[in-house]
């Protein structure tokens, strides 16, 4: 037993010299990614990098462990390999039971692409961090076939106009795991998203009751009620509506729209209504923005006022005068001509 300790020291030294990563820490990094815990994943990568691990090798080891979990999912006996560490065998079985094949396949593809990006980059650790960010943020997203299947299944039952089809599709976006989620990391159980995410808290015991939004105007009114002026102004000025249903918003954006508008809308609508919202940027032109619609109505009113004989007489009496604003009287104003502001 005496040579065992020097051998371990030598093994760790060689591992650092070659830029290799600790296998147990690779499993920890894999778990953080599958939880969608971006901060923990970046911290773990940076710590491994600081002790000498090569970023491309770390991603390669992650891809290898992803392949191992996928094999265990298909052939559970693979986890009985005695050459593997206890952590890899035990936690690998748990991951295989909880993660769907679609999620594992997507992670594998992103890691393979990420390894080549890191190898070609002049800043490998920064490139590796961006790869981990992409994987962590994709962890809670539905795979393309899940979206297509959900749309196909709900298409026949979807009513005309604004209906509940999109809400049913949003609910079907959940199947990321094939087993119940939750529990501490020591049991290798994964949580669906960070604890501070309002979407994750929407179904909790202390969550606010769900609120149905049936129109774009109600959505803007909700932003005003929540006193979120930036979101309200962006919805009025920068958003061209394509489709609005309860739980789904399809829009086109003006060039002046904030870069984070779509993400902010998804997060805030989920917090305000107590349910998941899907905000999609459409390739369709969409309706004019609310601001454009108001300006068009105001211009139409001004054209109508300008054609009135009384106003025409005033304008001809004062050459150079023009209409700069129109104030509409109340309906019970007995047909009086609206007040017209003039400017010489």
Protein backbone atom coordinates (compact mmCIF):
# COMPACT_ATOMS: atom_id res chain seq x y z
CA UNK A 1 0.00 0.00 0.00
CA UNK A 2 3.02 2.34 0.34
CA UNK A 3 3.46 3.03 -3.41
CA UNK A 4 -0.19 4.03 -3.72
CA UNK A 5 0.20 7.56 -2.37
CA UNK A 6 3.23 8.52 -4.57
CA UNK A 7 1.39 7.07 -7.57
CA UNK A 8 -1.63 9.28 -6.89
CA UNK A 9 0.53 12.37 -6.58
CA UNK A 10 2.35 11.54 -9.80
CA UNK A 11 -0.95 10.88 -11.56
CA UNK A 12 -2.31 14.28 -10.52
CA UNK A 13 0.90 16.03 -11.58
CA UNK A 14 0.86 14.34 -14.97
CA UNK A 15 -2.79 15.24 -15.38
CA UNK A 16 -2.03 18.92 -14.79
CA UNK A 17 0.99 18.87 -17.11
CA UNK A 18 -1.10 17.36 -19.91
CA UNK A 19 -3.96 19.80 -19.34
CA UNK A 20 -6.42 17.08 -18.34
CA UNK A 21 -9.45 17.58 -16.10
CA UNK A 22 -10.55 15.70 -13.00
CA UNK A 23 -13.24 13.17 -13.98
CA UNK A 24 -15.35 13.83 -10.89
CA UNK A 25 -15.29 17.57 -11.62
CA UNK A 26 -16.35 16.82 -15.20
CA UNK A 27 -19.42 15.09 -13.77
CA UNK A 28 -20.08 18.14 -11.58
CA UNK A 29 -19.79 20.39 -14.62
CA UNK A 30 -22.16 18.15 -16.59
CA UNK A 31 -24.72 18.33 -13.80
CA UNK A 32 -24.56 22.13 -13.65
CA UNK A 33 -25.14 22.34 -17.40
CA UNK A 34 -28.13 19.99 -17.31
CA UNK A 35 -29.61 22.02 -14.44
CA UNK A 36 -29.25 25.20 -16.49
CA UNK A 37 -27.04 26.66 -13.74
CA UNK A 38 -24.83 28.85 -15.92
CA UNK A 39 -22.99 30.55 -13.05
CA UNK A 40 -21.96 27.25 -11.46
CA UNK A 41 -20.85 25.85 -14.83
CA UNK A 42 -18.67 28.87 -15.59
CA UNK A 43 -17.19 28.83 -12.09
CA UNK A 44 -16.34 25.15 -12.39
CA UNK A 45 -14.73 25.61 -15.82
CA UNK A 46 -12.65 28.56 -14.61
CA UNK A 47 -11.45 26.64 -11.55
CA UNK A 48 -10.38 23.71 -13.72
CA UNK A 49 -8.65 26.09 -16.12
CA UNK A 50 -6.80 27.78 -13.23
CA UNK A 51 -5.26 24.46 -12.14
CA UNK A 52 -4.08 23.68 -15.67
CA UNK A 53 -6.96 21.99 -17.49
CA UNK A 54 -7.13 22.72 -21.20
CA UNK A 55 -10.58 24.15 -22.18
CA UNK A 56 -10.78 22.00 -25.32
CA UNK A 57 -9.94 18.89 -23.28
CA UNK A 58 -12.63 19.80 -20.73
CA UNK A 59 -15.24 20.01 -23.48
CA UNK A 60 -13.96 16.77 -24.97
CA UNK A 61 -14.32 15.05 -21.59
CA UNK A 62 -17.83 16.50 -21.27
CA UNK A 63 -18.71 15.06 -24.68
CA UNK A 64 -17.25 11.70 -23.64
CA UNK A 65 -19.31 11.67 -20.43
CA UNK A 66 -22.43 12.67 -22.40
CA UNK A 67 -21.77 9.70 -24.70
CA UNK A 68 -21.33 7.45 -21.66
CA UNK A 69 -24.67 8.56 -20.13
CA UNK A 70 -26.38 7.98 -23.49
CA UNK A 71 -24.94 4.45 -23.69
CA UNK A 72 -26.07 3.73 -20.13
CA UNK A 73 -29.57 4.87 -21.07
CA UNK A 74 -29.66 2.37 -23.91
CA UNK A 75 -27.64 -0.45 -22.28
CA UNK A 76 -27.66 -0.07 -18.46
CA UNK A 77 -24.98 -2.75 -18.08
CA UNK A 78 -22.42 -0.31 -19.50
CA UNK A 79 -22.33 1.38 -16.06
CA UNK A 80 -20.93 -1.83 -14.51
CA UNK A 81 -17.51 -1.20 -16.08
CA UNK A 82 -15.01 -1.48 -13.21
CA UNK A 83 -12.55 0.83 -14.98
CA UNK A 84 -14.90 3.74 -14.26
CA UNK A 85 -14.89 5.67 -11.02
CA UNK A 86 -17.68 5.19 -8.48
CA UNK A 87 -18.95 8.71 -9.15
CA UNK A 88 -19.16 8.07 -12.90
CA UNK A 89 -21.04 4.80 -12.43
CA UNK A 90 -23.54 5.97 -9.81
CA UNK A 91 -24.22 9.44 -11.12
CA UNK A 92 -24.12 8.27 -14.72
CA UNK A 93 -26.99 5.87 -13.99
CA UNK A 94 -28.97 8.68 -12.34
CA UNK A 95 -28.45 11.04 -15.29
CA UNK A 96 -29.45 8.30 -17.74
CA UNK A 97 -32.69 7.74 -15.84
CA UNK A 98 -33.58 11.42 -15.67
CA UNK A 99 -32.42 12.96 -18.95
CA UNK A 100 -34.26 12.34 -22.19
CA UNK A 101 -32.48 11.02 -25.25
CA UNK A 102 -33.27 14.26 -27.10
CA UNK A 103 -31.52 16.38 -24.46
CA UNK A 104 -28.46 14.13 -24.45
CA UNK A 105 -28.25 14.15 -28.26
CA UNK A 106 -28.50 17.94 -28.36
CA UNK A 107 -25.78 18.34 -25.70
CA UNK A 108 -23.52 15.94 -27.64
CA UNK A 109 -23.93 17.91 -30.87
CA UNK A 110 -23.29 21.26 -29.19
CA UNK A 111 -20.19 19.93 -27.44
CA UNK A 112 -18.73 18.48 -30.64
CA UNK A 113 -19.21 21.81 -32.39
CA UNK A 114 -17.85 23.63 -29.35
CA UNK A 115 -14.60 21.64 -29.25
CA UNK A 116 -13.72 22.75 -32.78
CA UNK A 117 -14.62 26.35 -31.91
CA UNK A 118 -12.33 26.32 -28.87
CA UNK A 119 -9.46 24.75 -30.81
CA UNK A 120 -9.73 27.42 -33.52
CA UNK A 121 -10.10 30.34 -31.12
CA UNK A 122 -7.33 32.64 -30.00
CA UNK A 123 -9.02 32.85 -26.59
CA UNK A 124 -9.87 29.21 -25.83
CA UNK A 125 -11.21 29.68 -22.31
CA UNK A 126 -13.57 32.47 -23.42
CA UNK A 127 -14.76 30.33 -26.34
CA UNK A 128 -15.33 27.39 -23.98
CA UNK A 129 -17.34 29.60 -21.62
CA UNK A 130 -19.59 30.70 -24.49
CA UNK A 131 -20.16 27.05 -25.44
CA UNK A 132 -21.21 26.26 -21.85
CA UNK A 133 -23.54 29.29 -21.82
CA UNK A 134 -25.27 28.01 -24.96
CA UNK A 135 -25.69 24.52 -23.55
CA UNK A 136 -26.95 25.74 -20.17
CA UNK A 137 -29.49 28.11 -21.71
CA UNK A 138 -30.66 25.41 -24.14
CA UNK A 139 -31.18 22.95 -21.29
CA UNK A 140 -34.78 24.10 -20.65
CA UNK A 141 -35.75 24.61 -24.29
CA UNK A 142 -37.85 22.07 -26.19
CA UNK A 143 -36.14 20.16 -28.96
CA UNK A 144 -37.38 20.84 -32.51
CA UNK A 145 -39.23 17.53 -32.78
CA UNK A 146 -41.04 18.25 -29.51
CA UNK A 147 -42.22 21.60 -30.86
CA UNK A 148 -43.36 20.07 -34.16
CA UNK A 149 -45.15 17.22 -32.39
CA UNK A 150 -46.90 19.60 -30.01
CA UNK A 151 -48.06 21.83 -32.85
CA UNK A 152 -49.27 18.80 -34.82
CA UNK A 153 -51.17 17.31 -31.90
CA UNK A 154 -52.87 20.59 -31.00
CA UNK A 155 -53.45 21.84 -34.55
CA UNK A 156 -56.67 19.90 -35.07
CA UNK A 157 -58.21 21.13 -31.82
CA UNK A 158 -57.06 24.71 -32.22
CA UNK A 159 -60.07 27.10 -32.54
CA UNK A 160 -60.36 29.91 -35.04
CA UNK A 161 -58.85 33.25 -34.04
CA UNK A 162 -57.31 33.70 -30.61
CA UNK A 163 -57.60 30.36 -28.89
CA UNK A 164 -55.95 28.06 -26.40
CA UNK A 165 -53.81 26.04 -28.80
CA UNK A 166 -50.65 27.96 -28.01
CA UNK A 167 -51.22 27.48 -24.29
CA UNK A 168 -51.41 23.72 -24.75
CA UNK A 169 -48.23 23.79 -26.82
CA UNK A 170 -46.46 25.79 -24.10
CA UNK A 171 -47.49 23.21 -21.53
CA UNK A 172 -46.10 20.44 -23.72
CA UNK A 173 -42.68 22.12 -23.72
CA UNK A 174 -41.92 20.67 -20.31
CA UNK A 175 -40.79 17.07 -21.13
CA UNK A 176 -37.10 17.58 -20.63
CA UNK A 177 -36.79 14.71 -18.14
CA UNK A 178 -38.25 11.25 -18.13
CA UNK A 179 -38.30 10.99 -14.36
CA UNK A 180 -39.49 13.25 -11.50
CA UNK A 181 -37.22 16.19 -10.90
CA UNK A 182 -35.95 17.92 -7.75
CA UNK A 183 -33.86 16.89 -4.79
CA UNK A 184 -30.32 17.68 -3.69
CA UNK A 185 -27.29 17.20 -5.90
CA UNK A 186 -25.97 14.40 -3.70
CA UNK A 187 -28.72 12.17 -5.10
CA UNK A 188 -27.80 13.28 -8.65
CA UNK A 189 -31.29 14.69 -9.14
CA UNK A 190 -31.64 17.69 -11.40
CA UNK A 191 -33.83 20.75 -11.01
CA UNK A 192 -35.51 22.08 -14.17
CA UNK A 193 -34.10 25.63 -13.89
CA UNK A 194 -32.49 28.01 -11.39
CA UNK A 195 -34.47 28.56 -8.21
CA UNK A 196 -34.86 32.29 -8.80
CA UNK A 197 -36.54 31.83 -12.20
CA UNK A 198 -40.12 33.17 -12.03
CA UNK A 199 -41.27 30.46 -14.42
CA UNK A 200 -40.07 27.75 -12.05
CA UNK A 201 -41.79 29.46 -9.14
CA UNK A 202 -45.08 29.85 -11.00
CA UNK A 203 -46.32 26.45 -9.87
CA UNK A 204 -45.18 26.78 -6.24
CA UNK A 205 -47.40 26.92 -3.24
CA UNK A 206 -46.91 30.66 -2.81
CA UNK A 207 -47.27 31.48 -6.53
CA UNK A 208 -49.74 34.10 -7.65
CA UNK A 209 -52.89 32.86 -9.41
CA UNK A 210 -52.61 32.63 -13.17
CA UNK A 211 -53.84 35.56 -15.24
CA UNK A 212 -55.25 35.11 -18.75
CA UNK A 213 -54.27 37.62 -21.44
CA UNK A 214 -56.46 37.53 -24.54
CA UNK A 215 -55.25 40.51 -26.55
CA UNK A 216 -52.25 42.72 -27.21
CA UNK A 217 -54.07 45.70 -25.68
CA UNK A 218 -54.55 43.75 -22.42
CA UNK A 219 -50.85 42.94 -22.44
CA UNK A 220 -49.93 46.63 -22.71
CA UNK A 221 -52.46 47.48 -19.99
CA UNK A 222 -50.83 44.86 -17.76
CA UNK A 223 -47.40 46.45 -18.27
CA UNK A 224 -48.91 49.83 -17.34
CA UNK A 225 -50.54 48.29 -14.25
CA UNK A 226 -47.17 46.86 -13.19
CA UNK A 227 -45.64 50.33 -13.73
CA UNK A 228 -43.06 48.90 -16.13
CA UNK A 229 -42.76 51.97 -18.34
CA UNK A 230 -39.85 50.71 -20.50
CA UNK A 231 -41.76 47.57 -21.48
CA UNK A 232 -44.98 49.51 -22.08
CA UNK A 233 -43.21 52.03 -24.33
CA UNK A 234 -41.40 49.28 -26.22
CA UNK A 235 -44.68 47.44 -26.85
CA UNK A 236 -46.27 50.62 -28.18
CA UNK A 237 -43.34 51.94 -30.20
CA UNK A 238 -41.14 49.00 -31.25
CA UNK A 239 -43.48 46.00 -31.64
CA UNK A 240 -45.55 45.09 -34.68
CA UNK A 241 -48.13 42.50 -33.67
CA UNK A 242 -48.43 39.30 -35.68
CA UNK A 243 -50.42 37.12 -33.27
CA UNK A 244 -51.35 37.28 -29.60
CA UNK A 245 -52.83 34.37 -27.68
CA UNK A 246 -52.87 33.49 -24.03
CA UNK A 247 -49.36 32.19 -23.37
CA UNK A 248 -47.93 33.02 -26.79
CA UNK A 249 -46.91 36.28 -28.45
CA UNK A 250 -45.68 36.42 -32.04
CA UNK A 251 -44.24 39.79 -33.05
CA UNK A 252 -42.04 41.62 -35.51
CA UNK A 253 -39.58 44.19 -34.18
CA UNK A 254 -38.61 47.67 -35.25
CA UNK A 255 -34.87 48.42 -35.54
CA UNK A 256 -35.18 50.62 -32.46
CA UNK A 257 -36.33 47.72 -30.25
CA UNK A 258 -34.07 46.87 -27.28
CA UNK A 259 -31.89 43.81 -27.90
CA UNK A 260 -33.17 42.08 -24.76
CA UNK A 261 -36.86 42.83 -25.37
CA UNK A 262 -37.90 39.25 -26.24
CA UNK A 263 -36.11 37.76 -23.23
CA UNK A 264 -37.49 40.47 -20.92
CA UNK A 265 -41.04 39.90 -22.18
CA UNK A 266 -40.86 36.14 -21.61
CA UNK A 267 -39.49 36.57 -18.10
CA UNK A 268 -41.79 39.38 -17.01
CA UNK A 269 -44.96 37.95 -18.53
CA UNK A 270 -44.29 34.66 -16.78
CA UNK A 271 -43.87 36.50 -13.46
CA UNK A 272 -46.93 38.71 -13.99
CA UNK A 273 -49.35 36.03 -15.20
CA UNK A 274 -48.10 32.99 -13.28
CA UNK A 275 -47.66 30.86 -16.41
CA UNK A 276 -45.04 30.18 -19.07
CA UNK A 277 -45.04 32.54 -22.06
CA UNK A 278 -43.47 31.99 -25.46
CA UNK A 279 -42.41 35.14 -27.32
CA UNK A 280 -41.44 34.54 -30.94
CA UNK A 281 -39.94 36.98 -33.44
CA UNK A 282 -41.80 36.38 -36.72
CA UNK A 283 -40.60 36.88 -40.28
CA UNK A 284 -44.02 38.32 -41.15
CA UNK A 285 -44.45 42.09 -41.46
CA UNK A 286 -47.06 42.32 -38.72
CA UNK A 287 -49.49 45.14 -38.02
CA UNK A 288 -48.29 48.73 -37.65
CA UNK A 289 -47.04 49.63 -34.19
CA UNK A 290 -49.51 51.13 -31.76
CA UNK A 291 -47.72 54.47 -32.07
CA UNK A 292 -48.04 54.35 -35.87
CA UNK A 293 -51.73 53.52 -35.59
CA UNK A 294 -52.33 56.45 -33.24
CA UNK A 295 -50.40 58.80 -35.54
CA UNK A 296 -52.41 57.59 -38.53
CA UNK A 297 -55.71 58.18 -36.73
CA UNK A 298 -54.57 61.65 -35.65
CA UNK A 299 -53.54 62.49 -39.21
CA UNK A 300 -56.94 61.32 -40.47
CA UNK A 301 -58.70 63.52 -37.93
CA UNK A 302 -56.60 66.50 -38.97
CA UNK A 303 -57.39 65.90 -42.64
CA UNK A 304 -61.09 65.75 -41.79
CA UNK A 305 -60.89 68.98 -39.82
CA UNK A 306 -58.91 70.72 -42.55
CA UNK A 307 -61.61 69.91 -45.11
CA UNK A 308 -64.30 71.52 -42.96
CA UNK A 309 -65.62 74.75 -44.66
CA UNK A 310 -65.33 76.75 -41.44
CA UNK A 311 -61.69 75.76 -40.96
CA UNK A 312 -60.97 76.42 -44.62
CA UNK A 313 -62.37 79.92 -44.23
CA UNK A 314 -60.11 80.55 -41.22
CA UNK A 315 -57.03 79.28 -43.05
CA UNK A 316 -57.77 81.41 -46.12
CA UNK A 317 -58.37 84.45 -43.91
CA UNK A 318 -54.91 84.04 -42.30
CA UNK A 319 -52.35 83.11 -44.98
CA UNK A 320 -49.54 80.97 -43.61
CA UNK A 321 -51.64 79.54 -40.77
CA UNK A 322 -51.68 75.76 -40.38
CA UNK A 323 -53.25 73.13 -38.15
CA UNK A 324 -50.84 71.94 -35.47
CA UNK A 325 -53.24 69.99 -33.29
CA UNK A 326 -56.84 68.85 -32.95
CA UNK A 327 -58.72 68.42 -29.69
CA UNK A 328 -61.86 66.30 -29.97
CA UNK A 329 -64.89 67.37 -27.99
CA UNK A 330 -67.00 64.91 -26.05
CA UNK A 331 -69.77 63.14 -28.04
CA UNK A 332 -72.46 65.31 -26.40
CA UNK A 333 -70.90 68.51 -27.72
CA UNK A 334 -73.90 68.98 -30.11
CA UNK A 335 -71.89 68.64 -33.28
CA UNK A 336 -69.62 71.59 -32.63
CA UNK A 337 -66.47 71.84 -34.68
CA UNK A 338 -63.38 70.52 -32.78
CA UNK A 339 -61.03 73.08 -31.33
CA UNK A 340 -58.21 73.76 -33.77
CA UNK A 341 -54.84 75.12 -32.78
CA UNK A 342 -53.39 77.42 -35.40
CA UNK A 343 -49.93 78.66 -36.01
CA UNK A 344 -48.95 81.61 -38.11
